[in-house]
Amino acid sequence: MSKLTEKVKKKKKRKARMRLVSISSIGVALGFLHAVSAFYLRQIYNVKTLAPAWRITKGEILFSA
């Protein structure tokens, strides 16, 4: 019976460890996406503020290349 309880405990530890790893990897991915989106939005804002005064859209600036 003790081998069975050891196996169950080992399985629970493994499950808890995998849950922790998955939550932390999701957190890292969300942090990375947040940083990238902040950088991208900052670049759009800088392009918009440096644009000339005539009527030119952000789409024309960003996708003209």
PDB file of N, CA and C in Angstrom:
ATOM      1  N   MET A   1       0.817  -1.192   0.000  1.00  0.00           N
ATOM      2  CA  MET A   1       0.000   0.000   0.000  1.00  0.00           C
ATOM      3  C   MET A   1       0.864   1.260   0.000  1.00  0.00           C
ATOM      4  N   SER A   2       2.025   1.192   0.621  1.00  0.00           N
ATOM      5  CA  SER A   2       2.870   2.381   0.681  1.00  0.00           C
ATOM      6  C   SER A   2       3.416   2.748  -0.692  1.00  0.00           C
ATOM      7  N   LYS A   3       3.674   1.738  -1.543  1.00  0.00           N
ATOM      8  CA  LYS A   3       4.145   2.041  -2.894  1.00  0.00           C
ATOM      9  C   LYS A   3       3.066   2.773  -3.688  1.00  0.00           C
ATOM     10  N   LEU A   4       1.833   2.396  -3.453  1.00  0.00           N
ATOM     11  CA  LEU A   4       0.731   3.060  -4.134  1.00  0.00           C
ATOM     12  C   LEU A   4       0.621   4.517  -3.698  1.00  0.00           C
ATOM     13  N   THR A   5       0.739   4.765  -2.403  1.00  0.00           N
ATOM     14  CA  THR A   5       0.661   6.151  -1.931  1.00  0.00           C
ATOM     15  C   THR A   5       1.855   6.959  -2.421  1.00  0.00           C
ATOM     16  N   GLU A   6       3.030   6.333  -2.530  1.00  0.00           N
ATOM     17  CA  GLU A   6       4.194   7.039  -3.071  1.00  0.00           C
ATOM     18  C   GLU A   6       3.959   7.415  -4.533  1.00  0.00           C
ATOM     19  N   LYS A   7       3.373   6.486  -5.280  1.00  0.00           N
ATOM     20  CA  LYS A   7       3.087   6.779  -6.686  1.00  0.00           C
ATOM     21  C   LYS A   7       2.070   7.908  -6.819  1.00  0.00           C
ATOM     22  N   VAL A   8       1.068   7.893  -5.959  1.00  0.00           N
ATOM     23  CA  VAL A   8       0.045   8.936  -6.001  1.00  0.00           C
ATOM     24  C   VAL A   8       0.652  10.284  -5.637  1.00  0.00           C
ATOM     25  N   LYS A   9       1.497  10.303  -4.604  1.00  0.00           N
ATOM     26  CA  LYS A   9       2.152  11.558  -4.216  1.00  0.00           C
ATOM     27  C   LYS A   9       3.061  12.068  -5.324  1.00  0.00           C
ATOM     28  N   LYS A  10       3.789  11.147  -5.955  1.00  0.00           N
ATOM     29  CA  LYS A  10       4.677  11.538  -7.040  1.00  0.00           C
ATOM     30  C   LYS A  10       3.872  12.115  -8.210  1.00  0.00           C
ATOM     31  N   LYS A  11       2.743  11.478  -8.494  1.00  0.00           N
ATOM     32  CA  LYS A  11       1.887  11.957  -9.576  1.00  0.00           C
ATOM     33  C   LYS A  11       1.325  13.339  -9.257  1.00  0.00           C
ATOM     34  N   LYS A  12       0.926  13.559  -8.012  1.00  0.00           N
ATOM     35  CA  LYS A  12       0.402  14.868  -7.615  1.00  0.00           C
ATOM     36  C   LYS A  12       1.486  15.935  -7.683  1.00  0.00           C
ATOM     37  N   LYS A  13       2.713  15.588  -7.260  1.00  0.00           N
ATOM     38  CA  LYS A  13       3.817  16.547  -7.346  1.00  0.00           C
ATOM     39  C   LYS A  13       4.089  16.921  -8.796  1.00  0.00           C
ATOM     40  N   ARG A  14       4.096  15.908  -9.656  1.00  0.00           N
ATOM     41  CA  ARG A  14       4.349  16.156 -11.072  1.00  0.00           C
ATOM     42  C   ARG A  14       3.261  17.049 -11.667  1.00  0.00           C
ATOM     43  N   LYS A  15       2.020  16.790 -11.289  1.00  0.00           N
ATOM     44  CA  LYS A  15       0.902  17.599 -11.784  1.00  0.00           C
ATOM     45  C   LYS A  15       1.012  19.040 -11.296  1.00  0.00           C
ATOM     46  N   ALA A  16       1.375  19.222 -10.026  1.00  0.00           N
ATOM     47  CA  ALA A  16       1.528  20.573  -9.485  1.00  0.00           C
ATOM     48  C   ALA A  16       2.683  21.300 -10.164  1.00  0.00           C
ATOM     49  N   ARG A  17       3.774  20.588 -10.421  1.00  0.00           N
ATOM     50  CA  ARG A  17       4.926  21.197 -11.081  1.00  0.00           C
ATOM     51  C   ARG A  17       4.568  21.613 -12.505  1.00  0.00           C
ATOM     52  N   MET A  18       3.844  20.760 -13.212  1.00  0.00           N
ATOM     53  CA  MET A  18       3.444  21.103 -14.574  1.00  0.00           C
ATOM     54  C   MET A  18       2.484  22.290 -14.595  1.00  0.00           C
ATOM     55  N   ARG A  19       1.613  22.366 -13.613  1.00  0.00           N
ATOM     56  CA  ARG A  19       0.702  23.506 -13.516  1.00  0.00           C
ATOM     57  C   ARG A  19       1.496  24.793 -13.297  1.00  0.00           C
ATOM     58  N   LEU A  20       2.491  24.743 -12.419  1.00  0.00           N
ATOM     59  CA  LEU A  20       3.321  25.914 -12.153  1.00  0.00           C
ATOM     60  C   LEU A  20       4.097  26.328 -13.398  1.00  0.00           C
ATOM     61  N   VAL A  21       4.652  25.350 -14.095  1.00  0.00           N
ATOM     62  CA  VAL A  21       5.406  25.649 -15.314  1.00  0.00           C
ATOM     63  C   VAL A  21       4.495  26.256 -16.375  1.00  0.00           C
ATOM     64  N   SER A  22       3.307  25.718 -16.531  1.00  0.00           N
ATOM     65  CA  SER A  22       2.403  26.248 -17.551  1.00  0.00           C
ATOM     66  C   SER A  22       1.938  27.657 -17.209  1.00  0.00           C
ATOM     67  N   ILE A  23       1.630  27.907 -15.946  1.00  0.00           N
ATOM     68  CA  ILE A  23       1.202  29.253 -15.545  1.00  0.00           C
ATOM     69  C   ILE A  23       2.337  30.254 -15.724  1.00  0.00           C
ATOM     70  N   SER A  24       3.557  29.850 -15.360  1.00  0.00           N
ATOM     71  CA  SER A  24       4.678  30.778 -15.506  1.00  0.00           C
ATOM     72  C   SER A  24       4.997  31.033 -16.975  1.00  0.00           C
ATOM     73  N   SER A  25       4.894  30.014 -17.827  1.00  0.00           N
ATOM     74  CA  SER A  25       5.162  30.238 -19.248  1.00  0.00           C
ATOM     75  C   SER A  25       4.096  31.128 -19.880  1.00  0.00           C
ATOM     76  N   ILE A  26       2.848  30.978 -19.458  1.00  0.00           N
ATOM     77  CA  ILE A  26       1.790  31.867 -19.947  1.00  0.00           C
ATOM     78  C   ILE A  26       2.056  33.297 -19.491  1.00  0.00           C
ATOM     79  N   GLY A  27       2.506  33.462 -18.254  1.00  0.00           N
ATOM     80  CA  GLY A  27       2.836  34.795 -17.747  1.00  0.00           C
ATOM     81  C   GLY A  27       3.966  35.441 -18.517  1.00  0.00           C
ATOM     82  N   VAL A  28       4.997  34.660 -18.833  1.00  0.00           N
ATOM     83  CA  VAL A  28       6.122  35.192 -19.606  1.00  0.00           C
ATOM     84  C   VAL A  28       5.666  35.587 -21.005  1.00  0.00           C
ATOM     85  N   ALA A  29       4.842  34.758 -21.622  1.00  0.00           N
ATOM     86  CA  ALA A  29       4.346  35.072 -22.964  1.00  0.00           C
ATOM     87  C   ALA A  29       3.498  36.340 -22.956  1.00  0.00           C
ATOM     88  N   LEU A  30       2.633  36.482 -21.963  1.00  0.00           N
ATOM     89  CA  LEU A  30       1.803  37.689 -21.881  1.00  0.00           C
ATOM     90  C   LEU A  30       2.652  38.931 -21.622  1.00  0.00           C
ATOM     91  N   GLY A  31       3.669  38.804 -20.782  1.00  0.00           N
ATOM     92  CA  GLY A  31       4.568  39.929 -20.547  1.00  0.00           C
ATOM     93  C   GLY A  31       5.295  40.343 -21.810  1.00  0.00           C
ATOM     94  N   PHE A  32       5.754  39.354 -22.578  1.00  0.00           N
ATOM     95  CA  PHE A  32       6.437  39.648 -23.832  1.00  0.00           C
ATOM     96  C   PHE A  32       5.499  40.349 -24.815  1.00  0.00           C
ATOM     97  N   LEU A  33       4.275  39.842 -24.941  1.00  0.00           N
ATOM     98  CA  LEU A  33       3.313  40.473 -25.847  1.00  0.00           C
ATOM     99  C   LEU A  33       2.968  41.887 -25.409  1.00  0.00           C
ATOM    100  N   HIS A  34       2.878  42.102 -24.111  1.00  0.00           N
ATOM    101  CA  HIS A  34       2.596  43.440 -23.600  1.00  0.00           C
ATOM    102  C   HIS A  34       3.736  44.397 -23.941  1.00  0.00           C
ATOM    103  N   ALA A  35       4.968  43.948 -23.772  1.00  0.00           N
ATOM    104  CA  ALA A  35       6.118  44.799 -24.085  1.00  0.00           C
ATOM    105  C   ALA A  35       6.185  45.108 -25.574  1.00  0.00           C
ATOM    106  N   VAL A  36       5.936  44.110 -26.400  1.00  0.00           N
ATOM    107  CA  VAL A  36       5.981  44.326 -27.849  1.00  0.00           C
ATOM    108  C   VAL A  36       4.880  45.280 -28.289  1.00  0.00           C
ATOM    109  N   SER A  37       3.686  45.112 -27.744  1.00  0.00           N
ATOM    110  CA  SER A  37       2.595  46.007 -28.142  1.00  0.00           C
ATOM    111  C   SER A  37       2.859  47.433 -27.677  1.00  0.00           C
ATOM    112  N   ALA A  38       3.432  47.593 -26.489  1.00  0.00           N
ATOM    113  CA  ALA A  38       3.763  48.943 -26.021  1.00  0.00           C
ATOM    114  C   ALA A  38       4.805  49.584 -26.927  1.00  0.00           C
ATOM    115  N   PHE A  39       5.807  48.815 -27.327  1.00  0.00           N
ATOM    116  CA  PHE A  39       6.835  49.336 -28.227  1.00  0.00           C
ATOM    117  C   PHE A  39       6.222  49.723 -29.573  1.00  0.00           C
ATOM    118  N   TYR A  40       5.373  48.855 -30.115  1.00  0.00           N
ATOM    119  CA  TYR A  40       4.758  49.118 -31.413  1.00  0.00           C
ATOM    120  C   TYR A  40       3.855  50.345 -31.356  1.00  0.00           C
ATOM    121  N   LEU A  41       3.059  50.461 -30.310  1.00  0.00           N
ATOM    122  CA  LEU A  41       2.187  51.629 -30.183  1.00  0.00           C
ATOM    123  C   LEU A  41       2.992  52.911 -29.999  1.00  0.00           C
ATOM    124  N   ARG A  42       4.112  52.823 -29.289  1.00  0.00           N
ATOM    125  CA  ARG A  42       4.975  53.990 -29.131  1.00  0.00           C
ATOM    126  C   ARG A  42       5.539  54.415 -30.483  1.00  0.00           C
ATOM    127  N   GLN A  43       5.920  53.436 -31.312  1.00  0.00           N
ATOM    128  CA  GLN A  43       6.441  53.768 -32.635  1.00  0.00           C
ATOM    129  C   GLN A  43       5.367  54.430 -33.495  1.00  0.00           C
ATOM    130  N   ILE A  44       4.141  53.924 -33.432  1.00  0.00           N
ATOM    131  CA  ILE A  44       3.044  54.538 -34.193  1.00  0.00           C
ATOM    132  C   ILE A  44       2.815  55.970 -33.721  1.00  0.00           C
ATOM    133  N   TYR A  45       2.830  56.180 -32.413  1.00  0.00           N
ATOM    134  CA  TYR A  45       2.609  57.526 -31.887  1.00  0.00           C
ATOM    135  C   TYR A  45       3.722  58.464 -32.335  1.00  0.00           C
ATOM    136  N   ASN A  46       4.968  57.985 -32.309  1.00  0.00           N
ATOM    137  CA  ASN A  46       6.083  58.823 -32.744  1.00  0.00           C
ATOM    138  C   ASN A  46       5.964  59.159 -34.223  1.00  0.00           C
ATOM    139  N   VAL A  47       5.563  58.200 -35.039  1.00  0.00           N
ATOM    140  CA  VAL A  47       5.386  58.458 -36.467  1.00  0.00           C
ATOM    141  C   VAL A  47       4.265  59.462 -36.679  1.00  0.00           C
ATOM    142  N   LYS A  48       3.187  59.318 -35.916  1.00  0.00           N
ATOM    143  CA  LYS A  48       2.048  60.222 -36.079  1.00  0.00           C
ATOM    144  C   LYS A  48       2.419  61.647 -35.676  1.00  0.00           C
ATOM    145  N   THR A  49       3.169  61.822 -34.597  1.00  0.00           N
ATOM    146  CA  THR A  49       3.506  63.169 -34.148  1.00  0.00           C
ATOM    147  C   THR A  49       4.569  63.804 -35.026  1.00  0.00           C
ATOM    148  N   LEU A  50       5.396  62.989 -35.685  1.00  0.00           N
ATOM    149  CA  LEU A  50       6.422  63.549 -36.558  1.00  0.00           C
ATOM    150  C   LEU A  50       5.931  63.737 -37.991  1.00  0.00           C
ATOM    151  N   ALA A  51       4.705  63.322 -38.272  1.00  0.00           N
ATOM    152  CA  ALA A  51       4.164  63.430 -39.627  1.00  0.00           C
ATOM    153  C   ALA A  51       3.909  64.894 -39.973  1.00  0.00           C
ATOM    154  N   PRO A  52       3.999  65.228 -41.239  1.00  0.00           N
ATOM    155  CA  PRO A  52       3.700  66.601 -41.647  1.00  0.00           C
ATOM    156  C   PRO A  52       2.237  66.958 -41.400  1.00  0.00           C
ATOM    157  N   ALA A  53       1.922  68.224 -41.518  1.00  0.00           N
ATOM    158  CA  ALA A  53       0.599  68.715 -41.152  1.00  0.00           C
ATOM    159  C   ALA A  53      -0.474  68.384 -42.188  1.00  0.00           C
ATOM    160  N   TRP A  54      -0.103  68.026 -43.424  1.00  0.00           N
ATOM    161  CA  TRP A  54      -1.147  67.729 -44.401  1.00  0.00           C
ATOM    162  C   TRP A  54      -1.825  66.403 -44.083  1.00  0.00           C
ATOM    163  N   ARG A  55      -2.937  66.157 -44.773  1.00  0.00           N
ATOM    164  CA  ARG A  55      -3.773  64.994 -44.444  1.00  0.00           C
ATOM    165  C   ARG A  55      -3.125  63.705 -44.960  1.00  0.00           C
ATOM    166  N   ILE A  56      -2.490  63.016 -44.067  1.00  0.00           N
ATOM    167  CA  ILE A  56      -1.906  61.717 -44.380  1.00  0.00           C
ATOM    168  C   ILE A  56      -2.277  60.793 -43.229  1.00  0.00           C
ATOM    169  N   THR A  57      -2.713  59.614 -43.551  1.00  0.00           N
ATOM    170  CA  THR A  57      -3.201  58.718 -42.509  1.00  0.00           C
ATOM    171  C   THR A  57      -2.070  57.854 -41.964  1.00  0.00           C
ATOM    172  N   LYS A  58      -2.323  57.287 -40.804  1.00  0.00           N
ATOM    173  CA  LYS A  58      -1.340  56.372 -40.220  1.00  0.00           C
ATOM    174  C   LYS A  58      -1.135  55.157 -41.114  1.00  0.00           C
ATOM    175  N   GLY A  59      -2.201  54.702 -41.754  1.00  0.00           N
ATOM    176  CA  GLY A  59      -2.085  53.551 -42.645  1.00  0.00           C
ATOM    177  C   GLY A  59      -1.156  53.819 -43.811  1.00  0.00           C
ATOM    178  N   GLU A  60      -1.226  55.022 -44.369  1.00  0.00           N
ATOM    179  CA  GLU A  60      -0.333  55.378 -45.473  1.00  0.00           C
ATOM    180  C   GLU A  60       1.110  55.456 -45.005  1.00  0.00           C
ATOM    181  N   ILE A  61       1.312  55.921 -43.793  1.00  0.00           N
ATOM    182  CA  ILE A  61       2.674  56.009 -43.262  1.00  0.00           C
ATOM    183  C   ILE A  61       3.226  54.618 -42.989  1.00  0.00           C
ATOM    184  N   LEU A  62       2.429  53.785 -42.345  1.00  0.00           N
ATOM    185  CA  LEU A  62       2.927  52.486 -41.911  1.00  0.00           C
ATOM    186  C   LEU A  62       3.042  51.485 -43.046  1.00  0.00           C
ATOM    187  N   PHE A  63       2.106  51.517 -43.987  1.00  0.00           N
ATOM    188  CA  PHE A  63       2.066  50.481 -45.003  1.00  0.00           C
ATOM    189  C   PHE A  63       2.440  50.992 -46.386  1.00  0.00           C
ATOM    190  N   SER A  64       3.198  52.060 -46.466  1.00  0.00           N
ATOM    191  CA  SER A  64       3.576  52.600 -47.766  1.00  0.00           C
ATOM    192  C   SER A  64       4.782  51.877 -48.343  1.00  0.00           C
ATOM    193  N   ALA A  65       5.516  51.147 -47.537  1.00  0.00           N
ATOM    194  CA  ALA A  65       6.735  50.483 -48.010  1.00  0.00           C
ATOM    195  C   ALA A  65       6.457  49.276 -48.848  1.00  0.00           C
TER     196      ALA A  65
END
